[in-house]
Amino acid sequence: MERNEMIEIIIAKANVTREEAIDALEKCNWDVVDSIIYLERSGKVENNEVTTIVEVKEEEQDKKEDSKKHEERYGGIGEIIGKIFKFIGMFIKKGSENFFEIKKENEKPIRVSLTISILLLIFLSVPTIALLVIGLFCGYKYSLSGSHNNYNGVNNVFEKVSESADTIKKDFKEGYEK
């Protein structure tokens, strides 16, 4: 609490002048409750209004409770870090259940975890993309598979890319043979 707020609280609750409030706060080491008690004992405040002390304490407790509710609502740094790790764990789990498949005609497909595939794309993007493009021209086809089988759109795109690579390869052969 700022000093001006403390002074205003003393003035409002004890009904004293600004100078008296400042003097009392300075003598009581800027403690609002002790200052009000000091003013009551020195006879500057009528003692029949004991509720002033209780009200000040209740205001301080309300502020502490509001701060605690704010922390509970938004969480501390530990809760935020926990949520980040939970998201990363969920991401790795789903990536481990689903696969990027590389296959060539009737051969058994090579299955690579999506987590590993994404890490390769992030950290080794240029060589990975170059190998994928070279694989397309060598007749390999790509697809996604796994327990979360909502990959029809992505697999259709992979199929069209594969067909385009076959068409380019066929046109190149025809141009080379002429």
C-alpha atoms as a PDB file:
ATOM      1  CA  MET A   1       0.000   0.000   0.000  1.00  0.00           C
ATOM      2  CA  GLU A   2       1.367   3.446  -0.855  1.00  0.00           C
ATOM      3  CA  ARG A   3       1.911   6.086   1.787  1.00  0.00           C
ATOM      4  CA  ASN A   4      -0.733   8.414   0.344  1.00  0.00           C
ATOM      5  CA  GLU A   5      -3.288   5.599   0.563  1.00  0.00           C
ATOM      6  CA  MET A   6      -2.306   4.994   4.183  1.00  0.00           C
ATOM      7  CA  ILE A   7      -2.702   8.682   4.993  1.00  0.00           C
ATOM      8  CA  GLU A   8      -6.123   8.807   3.326  1.00  0.00           C
ATOM      9  CA  ILE A   9      -7.284   5.717   5.248  1.00  0.00           C
ATOM     10  CA  ILE A  10      -6.200   7.254   8.579  1.00  0.00           C
ATOM     11  CA  ILE A  11      -7.908  10.570   7.729  1.00  0.00           C
ATOM     12  CA  ALA A  12     -11.140   8.797   6.747  1.00  0.00           C
ATOM     13  CA  LYS A  13     -11.262   6.326   9.631  1.00  0.00           C
ATOM     14  CA  ALA A  14      -9.862   8.400  12.488  1.00  0.00           C
ATOM     15  CA  ASN A  15     -11.257  11.783  11.363  1.00  0.00           C
ATOM     16  CA  VAL A  16      -7.958  13.646  11.905  1.00  0.00           C
ATOM     17  CA  THR A  17      -6.001  16.198   9.877  1.00  0.00           C
ATOM     18  CA  ARG A  18      -3.442  15.225   7.288  1.00  0.00           C
ATOM     19  CA  GLU A  19      -0.571  16.370   9.520  1.00  0.00           C
ATOM     20  CA  GLU A  20      -1.822  14.293  12.449  1.00  0.00           C
ATOM     21  CA  ALA A  21      -2.188  11.240  10.188  1.00  0.00           C
ATOM     22  CA  ILE A  22       1.354  11.649   8.831  1.00  0.00           C
ATOM     23  CA  ASP A  23       2.745  12.184  12.350  1.00  0.00           C
ATOM     24  CA  ALA A  24       1.004   9.054  13.655  1.00  0.00           C
ATOM     25  CA  LEU A  25       2.175   6.946  10.711  1.00  0.00           C
ATOM     26  CA  GLU A  26       5.765   8.116  11.116  1.00  0.00           C
ATOM     27  CA  LYS A  27       5.731   7.327  14.863  1.00  0.00           C
ATOM     28  CA  CYS A  28       4.278   3.865  14.167  1.00  0.00           C
ATOM     29  CA  ASN A  29       6.670   3.020  11.330  1.00  0.00           C
ATOM     30  CA  TRP A  30       3.955   3.430   8.657  1.00  0.00           C
ATOM     31  CA  ASP A  31       1.675   0.745  10.112  1.00  0.00           C
ATOM     32  CA  VAL A  32      -1.976   1.771   9.622  1.00  0.00           C
ATOM     33  CA  VAL A  33      -3.456  -0.304  12.453  1.00  0.00           C
ATOM     34  CA  ASP A  34      -0.806   0.786  14.982  1.00  0.00           C
ATOM     35  CA  SER A  35      -1.292   4.411  13.900  1.00  0.00           C
ATOM     36  CA  ILE A  36      -5.039   4.275  14.556  1.00  0.00           C
ATOM     37  CA  ILE A  37      -4.430   2.673  17.958  1.00  0.00           C
ATOM     38  CA  TYR A  38      -1.824   5.364  18.713  1.00  0.00           C
ATOM     39  CA  LEU A  39      -4.304   8.098  17.793  1.00  0.00           C
ATOM     40  CA  GLU A  40      -7.000   6.500  19.977  1.00  0.00           C
ATOM     41  CA  ARG A  41      -4.648   6.209  22.968  1.00  0.00           C
ATOM     42  CA  SER A  42      -3.449   9.773  22.584  1.00  0.00           C
ATOM     43  CA  GLY A  43      -7.068  10.960  22.736  1.00  0.00           C
ATOM     44  CA  LYS A  44      -7.268  12.362  19.222  1.00  0.00           C
ATOM     45  CA  VAL A  45      -9.910   9.792  18.256  1.00  0.00           C
ATOM     46  CA  GLU A  46     -12.926   8.788  20.271  1.00  0.00           C
ATOM     47  CA  ASN A  47     -12.504   5.238  21.547  1.00  0.00           C
ATOM     48  CA  ASN A  48     -16.127   4.263  20.921  1.00  0.00           C
ATOM     49  CA  GLU A  49     -15.378   3.599  17.256  1.00  0.00           C
ATOM     50  CA  VAL A  50     -13.476   0.331  17.573  1.00  0.00           C
ATOM     51  CA  THR A  51     -14.779  -0.737  14.172  1.00  0.00           C
ATOM     52  CA  THR A  52     -12.172   1.423  12.436  1.00  0.00           C
ATOM     53  CA  ILE A  53      -9.426  -1.053  13.301  1.00  0.00           C
ATOM     54  CA  VAL A  54     -11.545  -4.005  12.268  1.00  0.00           C
ATOM     55  CA  GLU A  55     -12.504  -2.317   8.974  1.00  0.00           C
ATOM     56  CA  VAL A  56      -8.875  -1.552   8.121  1.00  0.00           C
ATOM     57  CA  LYS A  57      -7.879  -5.137   8.851  1.00  0.00           C
ATOM     58  CA  GLU A  58     -10.808  -6.402   6.751  1.00  0.00           C
ATOM     59  CA  GLU A  59      -9.759  -4.155   3.856  1.00  0.00           C
ATOM     60  CA  GLU A  60      -6.216  -5.529   4.020  1.00  0.00           C
ATOM     61  CA  GLN A  61      -7.548  -9.103   4.136  1.00  0.00           C
ATOM     62  CA  ASP A  62      -9.839  -8.400   1.163  1.00  0.00           C
ATOM     63  CA  LYS A  63      -6.873  -7.169  -0.847  1.00  0.00           C
ATOM     64  CA  LYS A  64      -4.891 -10.302   0.087  1.00  0.00           C
ATOM     65  CA  GLU A  65      -7.850 -12.521  -0.899  1.00  0.00           C
ATOM     66  CA  ASP A  66      -8.245 -10.668  -4.216  1.00  0.00           C
ATOM     67  CA  SER A  67      -4.553 -11.223  -4.913  1.00  0.00           C
ATOM     68  CA  LYS A  68      -4.914 -14.910  -4.034  1.00  0.00           C
ATOM     69  CA  LYS A  69      -7.994 -15.270  -6.287  1.00  0.00           C
ATOM     70  CA  HIS A  70      -6.064 -13.582  -9.110  1.00  0.00           C
ATOM     71  CA  GLU A  71      -3.232 -16.122  -8.702  1.00  0.00           C
ATOM     72  CA  GLU A  72      -5.710 -19.002  -8.618  1.00  0.00           C
ATOM     73  CA  ARG A  73      -7.461 -17.758 -11.742  1.00  0.00           C
ATOM     74  CA  TYR A  74      -4.346 -17.195 -13.802  1.00  0.00           C
ATOM     75  CA  GLY A  75      -1.987 -19.568 -12.025  1.00  0.00           C
ATOM     76  CA  GLY A  76       1.567 -18.970 -11.065  1.00  0.00           C
ATOM     77  CA  ILE A  77       4.617 -19.613 -13.168  1.00  0.00           C
ATOM     78  CA  GLY A  78       4.633 -23.251 -12.058  1.00  0.00           C
ATOM     79  CA  GLU A  79       1.126 -23.819 -13.368  1.00  0.00           C
ATOM     80  CA  ILE A  80       1.985 -22.197 -16.708  1.00  0.00           C
ATOM     81  CA  ILE A  81       5.103 -24.362 -17.071  1.00  0.00           C
ATOM     82  CA  GLY A  82       3.011 -27.402 -16.136  1.00  0.00           C
ATOM     83  CA  LYS A  83       0.509 -26.588 -18.895  1.00  0.00           C
ATOM     84  CA  ILE A  84       3.333 -26.176 -21.415  1.00  0.00           C
ATOM     85  CA  PHE A  85       4.815 -29.577 -20.488  1.00  0.00           C
ATOM     86  CA  LYS A  86       1.357 -31.163 -20.611  1.00  0.00           C
ATOM     87  CA  PHE A  87       0.853 -29.776 -24.146  1.00  0.00           C
ATOM     88  CA  ILE A  88       4.290 -31.015 -25.236  1.00  0.00           C
ATOM     89  CA  GLY A  89       3.551 -34.444 -23.741  1.00  0.00           C
ATOM     90  CA  MET A  90       0.203 -34.639 -25.547  1.00  0.00           C
ATOM     91  CA  PHE A  91       1.901 -33.550 -28.796  1.00  0.00           C
ATOM     92  CA  ILE A  92       4.593 -36.245 -28.459  1.00  0.00           C
ATOM     93  CA  LYS A  93       2.006 -38.903 -27.568  1.00  0.00           C
ATOM     94  CA  LYS A  94      -0.158 -38.154 -30.625  1.00  0.00           C
ATOM     95  CA  GLY A  95       2.952 -37.947 -32.801  1.00  0.00           C
ATOM     96  CA  SER A  96       4.069 -41.371 -31.592  1.00  0.00           C
ATOM     97  CA  GLU A  97       0.667 -42.922 -32.399  1.00  0.00           C
ATOM     98  CA  ASN A  98       0.676 -41.595 -35.977  1.00  0.00           C
ATOM     99  CA  PHE A  99       3.150 -42.203 -38.762  1.00  0.00           C
ATOM    100  CA  PHE A 100       4.584 -40.732 -41.946  1.00  0.00           C
ATOM    101  CA  GLU A 101       4.768 -43.623 -44.424  1.00  0.00           C
ATOM    102  CA  ILE A 102       7.160 -43.903 -47.347  1.00  0.00           C
ATOM    103  CA  LYS A 103       6.348 -46.676 -49.819  1.00  0.00           C
ATOM    104  CA  LYS A 104       7.284 -47.773 -53.300  1.00  0.00           C
ATOM    105  CA  GLU A 105       4.752 -49.732 -55.338  1.00  0.00           C
ATOM    106  CA  ASN A 106       4.297 -53.171 -53.718  1.00  0.00           C
ATOM    107  CA  GLU A 107       7.055 -52.939 -51.108  1.00  0.00           C
ATOM    108  CA  LYS A 108       6.400 -52.805 -47.381  1.00  0.00           C
ATOM    109  CA  PRO A 109       6.160 -49.150 -46.273  1.00  0.00           C
ATOM    110  CA  ILE A 110       8.716 -47.454 -44.084  1.00  0.00           C
ATOM    111  CA  ARG A 111       6.928 -45.905 -41.107  1.00  0.00           C
ATOM    112  CA  VAL A 112       8.457 -42.959 -39.257  1.00  0.00           C
ATOM    113  CA  SER A 113       6.824 -41.412 -36.194  1.00  0.00           C
ATOM    114  CA  LEU A 114       5.249 -38.018 -36.885  1.00  0.00           C
ATOM    115  CA  THR A 115       7.165 -36.577 -33.939  1.00  0.00           C
ATOM    116  CA  ILE A 116      10.478 -37.584 -35.500  1.00  0.00           C
ATOM    117  CA  SER A 117       9.310 -36.403 -38.929  1.00  0.00           C
ATOM    118  CA  ILE A 118       8.428 -32.971 -37.578  1.00  0.00           C
ATOM    119  CA  LEU A 119      11.725 -32.712 -35.693  1.00  0.00           C
ATOM    120  CA  LEU A 120      13.594 -33.593 -38.900  1.00  0.00           C
ATOM    121  CA  LEU A 121      11.681 -30.911 -40.788  1.00  0.00           C
ATOM    122  CA  ILE A 122      12.400 -28.330 -38.107  1.00  0.00           C
ATOM    123  CA  PHE A 123      16.101 -29.002 -37.530  1.00  0.00           C
ATOM    124  CA  LEU A 124      17.170 -30.450 -40.890  1.00  0.00           C
ATOM    125  CA  SER A 125      14.625 -28.873 -43.196  1.00  0.00           C
ATOM    126  CA  VAL A 126      16.756 -28.407 -46.333  1.00  0.00           C
ATOM    127  CA  PRO A 127      18.183 -31.963 -46.513  1.00  0.00           C
ATOM    128  CA  THR A 128      14.841 -33.502 -45.517  1.00  0.00           C
ATOM    129  CA  ILE A 129      12.896 -31.614 -48.177  1.00  0.00           C
ATOM    130  CA  ALA A 130      15.574 -32.389 -50.782  1.00  0.00           C
ATOM    131  CA  LEU A 131      15.371 -36.116 -49.970  1.00  0.00           C
ATOM    132  CA  LEU A 132      11.565 -36.046 -50.125  1.00  0.00           C
ATOM    133  CA  VAL A 133      11.638 -34.412 -53.576  1.00  0.00           C
ATOM    134  CA  ILE A 134      14.288 -36.843 -54.833  1.00  0.00           C
ATOM    135  CA  GLY A 135      12.171 -39.707 -53.447  1.00  0.00           C
ATOM    136  CA  LEU A 136       9.165 -38.470 -55.450  1.00  0.00           C
ATOM    137  CA  PHE A 137      11.144 -38.678 -58.691  1.00  0.00           C
ATOM    138  CA  CYS A 138      12.433 -42.141 -57.743  1.00  0.00           C
ATOM    139  CA  GLY A 139       8.879 -43.467 -57.474  1.00  0.00           C
ATOM    140  CA  TYR A 140       8.266 -43.258 -53.719  1.00  0.00           C
ATOM    141  CA  LYS A 141       4.846 -42.226 -52.429  1.00  0.00           C
ATOM    142  CA  TYR A 142       4.076 -40.596 -49.106  1.00  0.00           C
ATOM    143  CA  SER A 143       1.096 -40.813 -46.769  1.00  0.00           C
ATOM    144  CA  LEU A 144       0.049 -40.371 -43.151  1.00  0.00           C
ATOM    145  CA  SER A 145      -1.486 -43.143 -41.076  1.00  0.00           C
ATOM    146  CA  GLY A 146      -2.263 -43.956 -37.480  1.00  0.00           C
ATOM    147  CA  SER A 147      -4.932 -43.992 -34.828  1.00  0.00           C
ATOM    148  CA  HIS A 148      -6.130 -40.473 -35.649  1.00  0.00           C
ATOM    149  CA  ASN A 149      -7.109 -41.301 -39.199  1.00  0.00           C
ATOM    150  CA  ASN A 150      -8.352 -37.885 -40.373  1.00  0.00           C
ATOM    151  CA  TYR A 151      -5.643 -37.638 -42.993  1.00  0.00           C
ATOM    152  CA  ASN A 152      -7.724 -38.044 -46.160  1.00  0.00           C
ATOM    153  CA  GLY A 153      -7.106 -34.453 -47.274  1.00  0.00           C
ATOM    154  CA  VAL A 154      -3.376 -34.640 -46.622  1.00  0.00           C
ATOM    155  CA  ASN A 155      -3.077 -38.058 -48.264  1.00  0.00           C
ATOM    156  CA  ASN A 156      -4.962 -36.740 -51.330  1.00  0.00           C
ATOM    157  CA  VAL A 157      -2.447 -33.890 -51.586  1.00  0.00           C
ATOM    158  CA  PHE A 158       0.437 -36.375 -51.289  1.00  0.00           C
ATOM    159  CA  GLU A 159      -1.166 -38.490 -54.048  1.00  0.00           C
ATOM    160  CA  LYS A 160      -1.537 -35.480 -56.371  1.00  0.00           C
ATOM    161  CA  VAL A 161       2.087 -34.446 -55.728  1.00  0.00           C
ATOM    162  CA  SER A 162       3.192 -37.982 -56.515  1.00  0.00           C
ATOM    163  CA  GLU A 163       1.169 -37.964 -59.749  1.00  0.00           C
ATOM    164  CA  SER A 164       2.677 -34.595 -60.696  1.00  0.00           C
ATOM    165  CA  ALA A 165       6.173 -35.941 -60.124  1.00  0.00           C
ATOM    166  CA  ASP A 166       5.358 -38.970 -62.304  1.00  0.00           C
ATOM    167  CA  THR A 167       4.052 -36.663 -65.046  1.00  0.00           C
ATOM    168  CA  ILE A 168       7.180 -34.498 -64.913  1.00  0.00           C
ATOM    169  CA  LYS A 169       9.368 -37.596 -64.984  1.00  0.00           C
ATOM    170  CA  LYS A 170       7.408 -38.995 -67.976  1.00  0.00           C
ATOM    171  CA  ASP A 171       7.627 -35.668 -69.878  1.00  0.00           C
ATOM    172  CA  PHE A 172      11.355 -35.497 -69.190  1.00  0.00           C
ATOM    173  CA  LYS A 173      11.868 -39.036 -70.533  1.00  0.00           C
ATOM    174  CA  GLU A 174       9.878 -38.263 -73.689  1.00  0.00           C
ATOM    175  CA  GLY A 175      11.876 -35.057 -74.252  1.00  0.00           C
ATOM    176  CA  TYR A 176      15.151 -36.851 -73.672  1.00  0.00           C
ATOM    177  CA  GLU A 177      14.326 -39.691 -76.087  1.00  0.00           C
ATOM    178  CA  LYS A 178      13.492 -37.323 -78.974  1.00  0.00           C
END
